[in-house]
Protein backbone atom coordinates (compact mmCIF):
# COMPACT_ATOMS: atom_id res chain seq x y z
CA UNK A 1 52.97 -43.11 -6.60
CA UNK A 2 56.87 -43.54 -6.59
CA UNK A 3 58.70 -41.22 -4.01
CA UNK A 4 60.78 -39.65 -7.09
CA UNK A 5 57.61 -39.62 -9.39
CA UNK A 6 55.95 -36.15 -10.17
CA UNK A 7 52.75 -35.42 -8.45
CA UNK A 8 50.30 -32.93 -9.26
CA UNK A 9 51.00 -30.29 -7.48
CA UNK A 10 54.75 -30.45 -9.29
CA UNK A 11 53.27 -29.51 -12.17
CA UNK A 12 53.28 -25.86 -13.91
CA UNK A 13 52.80 -26.13 -17.68
CA UNK A 14 50.55 -28.06 -19.73
CA UNK A 15 52.92 -30.30 -21.55
CA UNK A 16 54.24 -31.29 -18.03
CA UNK A 17 49.87 -31.98 -16.74
CA UNK A 18 49.91 -33.98 -20.36
CA UNK A 19 53.06 -36.31 -19.04
CA UNK A 20 51.54 -36.98 -15.41
CA UNK A 21 48.23 -37.93 -16.92
CA UNK A 22 49.21 -39.96 -19.82
CA UNK A 23 51.62 -42.13 -16.82
CA UNK A 24 48.38 -42.36 -14.94
CA UNK A 25 46.07 -45.33 -14.28
CA UNK A 26 42.89 -45.64 -15.79
CA UNK A 27 40.10 -45.25 -13.42
CA UNK A 28 37.02 -47.83 -13.09
CA UNK A 29 33.69 -46.20 -12.76
CA UNK A 30 32.82 -47.82 -9.51
CA UNK A 31 35.73 -46.69 -7.86
CA UNK A 32 34.58 -42.69 -8.31
CA UNK A 33 30.17 -43.30 -8.30
CA UNK A 34 29.57 -42.59 -4.77
CA UNK A 35 30.54 -39.33 -3.28
CA UNK A 36 31.37 -35.45 -3.28
CA UNK A 37 34.41 -34.29 -4.20
CA UNK A 38 36.40 -31.41 -3.86
CA UNK A 39 38.15 -29.70 -6.71
CA UNK A 40 41.39 -28.22 -6.95
CA UNK A 41 42.88 -26.61 -10.81
CA UNK A 42 46.44 -27.03 -11.96
CA UNK A 43 47.98 -24.13 -12.94
CA UNK A 44 49.31 -24.92 -16.32
CA UNK A 45 48.84 -21.54 -18.40
CA UNK A 46 45.40 -22.10 -18.88
CA UNK A 47 42.96 -19.23 -19.34
CA UNK A 48 40.85 -20.82 -16.89
CA UNK A 49 43.55 -21.07 -14.36
CA UNK A 50 42.44 -19.52 -10.88
CA UNK A 51 38.61 -19.03 -12.00
CA UNK A 52 36.76 -21.73 -11.03
CA UNK A 53 37.84 -21.30 -7.43
CA UNK A 54 37.80 -17.86 -7.78
CA UNK A 55 34.01 -18.04 -8.38
CA UNK A 56 33.19 -20.63 -5.77
CA UNK A 57 33.71 -24.06 -7.16
CA UNK A 58 33.76 -26.92 -4.72
CA UNK A 59 34.13 -29.88 -6.78
CA UNK A 60 31.49 -32.59 -8.01
CA UNK A 61 28.85 -35.43 -7.06
CA UNK A 62 28.49 -38.37 -7.92
CA UNK A 63 25.97 -40.68 -6.91
CA UNK A 64 25.90 -43.20 -9.46
CA UNK A 65 27.17 -43.71 -13.37
CA UNK A 66 23.75 -41.82 -14.43
CA UNK A 67 23.32 -39.67 -11.83
CA UNK A 68 26.62 -37.11 -11.82
CA UNK A 69 26.30 -33.05 -11.00
CA UNK A 70 29.27 -31.72 -12.18
CA UNK A 71 29.19 -28.73 -10.82
CA UNK A 72 29.38 -28.05 -7.10
CA UNK A 73 29.93 -24.39 -5.77
CA UNK A 74 29.90 -23.10 -2.23
CA UNK A 75 28.37 -19.65 -0.68
CA UNK A 76 27.35 -18.47 2.81
CA UNK A 77 28.49 -22.39 4.33
CA UNK A 78 26.24 -23.95 1.55
CA UNK A 79 27.59 -26.76 -1.12
CA UNK A 80 24.77 -26.83 -3.66
CA UNK A 81 24.66 -27.90 -7.39
CA UNK A 82 24.61 -25.33 -10.31
CA UNK A 83 23.15 -26.49 -13.59
CA UNK A 84 26.10 -26.03 -16.20
CA UNK A 85 24.01 -24.12 -19.16
CA UNK A 86 24.07 -21.26 -16.23
CA UNK A 87 27.94 -21.20 -15.71
CA UNK A 88 28.67 -18.37 -18.15
CA UNK A 89 31.90 -20.76 -19.35
CA UNK A 90 32.38 -18.52 -22.47
CA UNK A 91 33.54 -15.36 -20.20
CA UNK A 92 36.22 -17.69 -18.51
CA UNK A 93 39.95 -16.33 -19.18
CA UNK A 94 38.47 -13.05 -20.58
CA UNK A 95 36.70 -11.69 -16.97
CA UNK A 96 39.68 -10.44 -14.32
CA UNK A 97 40.51 -12.48 -11.03
CA UNK A 98 39.05 -9.64 -9.54
CA UNK A 99 36.26 -9.08 -11.32
CA UNK A 100 34.99 -12.87 -10.63
CA UNK A 101 35.57 -13.02 -7.16
CA UNK A 102 33.04 -9.77 -6.74
CA UNK A 103 30.93 -12.14 -8.88
CA UNK A 104 31.65 -14.75 -5.94
CA UNK A 105 29.78 -12.54 -3.66
CA UNK A 106 26.72 -12.47 -5.04
CA UNK A 107 26.33 -16.08 -5.43
CA UNK A 108 24.37 -16.52 -2.36
CA UNK A 109 21.69 -14.10 -3.52
CA UNK A 110 21.54 -15.85 -7.13
CA UNK A 111 21.88 -19.21 -5.99
CA UNK A 112 18.70 -20.50 -6.85
CA UNK A 113 18.60 -19.45 -10.19
CA UNK A 114 21.77 -21.40 -10.41
CA UNK A 115 20.29 -24.53 -8.81
CA UNK A 116 20.33 -27.82 -10.58
CA UNK A 117 17.64 -29.47 -10.08
CA UNK A 118 18.54 -32.90 -11.51
CA UNK A 119 21.49 -34.62 -12.14
CA UNK A 120 23.40 -32.74 -15.41
CA UNK A 121 26.36 -35.97 -16.33
CA UNK A 122 26.86 -38.86 -16.71
CA UNK A 123 29.67 -41.24 -16.21
CA UNK A 124 30.77 -43.51 -19.22
CA UNK A 125 34.15 -45.49 -19.98
CA UNK A 126 35.82 -43.82 -22.75
CA UNK A 127 39.07 -44.25 -24.76
CA UNK A 128 41.05 -40.95 -24.60
CA UNK A 129 44.72 -40.73 -25.30
CA UNK A 130 45.12 -44.38 -26.10
CA UNK A 131 43.83 -45.49 -22.78
CA UNK A 132 40.02 -46.41 -21.56
CA UNK A 133 39.05 -44.87 -18.19
CA UNK A 134 35.96 -42.92 -16.87
CA UNK A 135 35.08 -40.04 -18.37
CA UNK A 136 32.05 -37.78 -17.42
CA UNK A 137 29.71 -36.70 -20.20
CA UNK A 138 27.99 -33.58 -19.85
CA UNK A 139 24.28 -33.60 -20.97
CA UNK A 140 23.72 -30.52 -22.21
CA UNK A 141 27.16 -28.56 -23.07
CA UNK A 142 30.18 -30.15 -25.41
CA UNK A 143 32.27 -31.38 -22.49
CA UNK A 144 33.84 -34.14 -21.84
CA UNK A 145 35.69 -34.31 -18.16
CA UNK A 146 38.56 -36.87 -18.61
CA UNK A 147 39.88 -38.83 -15.71
CA UNK A 148 42.85 -40.89 -14.58
CA UNK A 149 43.82 -42.00 -10.47
CA UNK A 150 46.51 -40.17 -8.76
CA UNK A 151 45.92 -42.13 -5.70
CA UNK A 152 43.66 -44.01 -3.91
CA UNK A 153 41.88 -40.81 -2.93
CA UNK A 154 42.49 -38.30 -5.90
CA UNK A 155 42.06 -38.08 -9.55
CA UNK A 156 44.00 -36.23 -12.11
CA UNK A 157 41.28 -34.79 -14.84
CA UNK A 158 41.66 -33.11 -17.99
CA UNK A 159 38.64 -31.10 -19.14
CA UNK A 160 37.80 -31.57 -23.16
CA UNK A 161 35.59 -29.02 -24.54
CA UNK A 162 34.81 -28.24 -28.10
CA UNK A 163 36.27 -24.75 -29.43
CA UNK A 164 38.89 -24.92 -26.65
CA UNK A 165 42.28 -26.14 -27.58
CA UNK A 166 44.34 -25.92 -24.71
CA UNK A 167 44.17 -28.27 -21.97
CA UNK A 168 42.13 -27.48 -18.72
CA UNK A 169 43.67 -29.65 -15.62
CA UNK A 170 42.25 -30.09 -12.38
CA UNK A 171 41.89 -32.36 -9.34
CA UNK A 172 39.18 -34.39 -7.05
CA UNK A 173 39.97 -35.25 -3.90
CA UNK A 174 37.15 -38.03 -2.03
CA UNK A 175 35.50 -36.71 0.71
CA UNK A 176 36.22 -38.51 3.91
CA UNK A 177 39.28 -40.20 1.86
């Protein structure tokens, strides 16, 4: 990004996030198919703002185009993949962050029940907002995460979830990048 352009960390509203997302270039699948990516949220006023981080969300793991762990969490110093079907997404934004933080303390104890034993998403090139770029398609949930390249080691994502009209924006930073 040029020095005078808005960065993801400057974004404060969904409109600003859309403007940034639409300016960023597409991401090819081969640019992100290997490795663990650390997640971060963009706070744009979405009901999910703060929920993932407060719950112990770590990021995503890309092992190949057909082998993606869409939700990594951390508890007790361990990073582990969670089966997205076991995450109560419908409660996000309805439970106060203090309640989410209490639930996070239990994460290490409920980890065996939440743990994913196989990948739960895949990567595909999808046209979204007029640009064909990499998207992560969940296997069992009506969610597609669309990605654009913010820089060599960072992608900006937007979650497209059936039933949620307001966009949820997030960043992924390549580990060891």
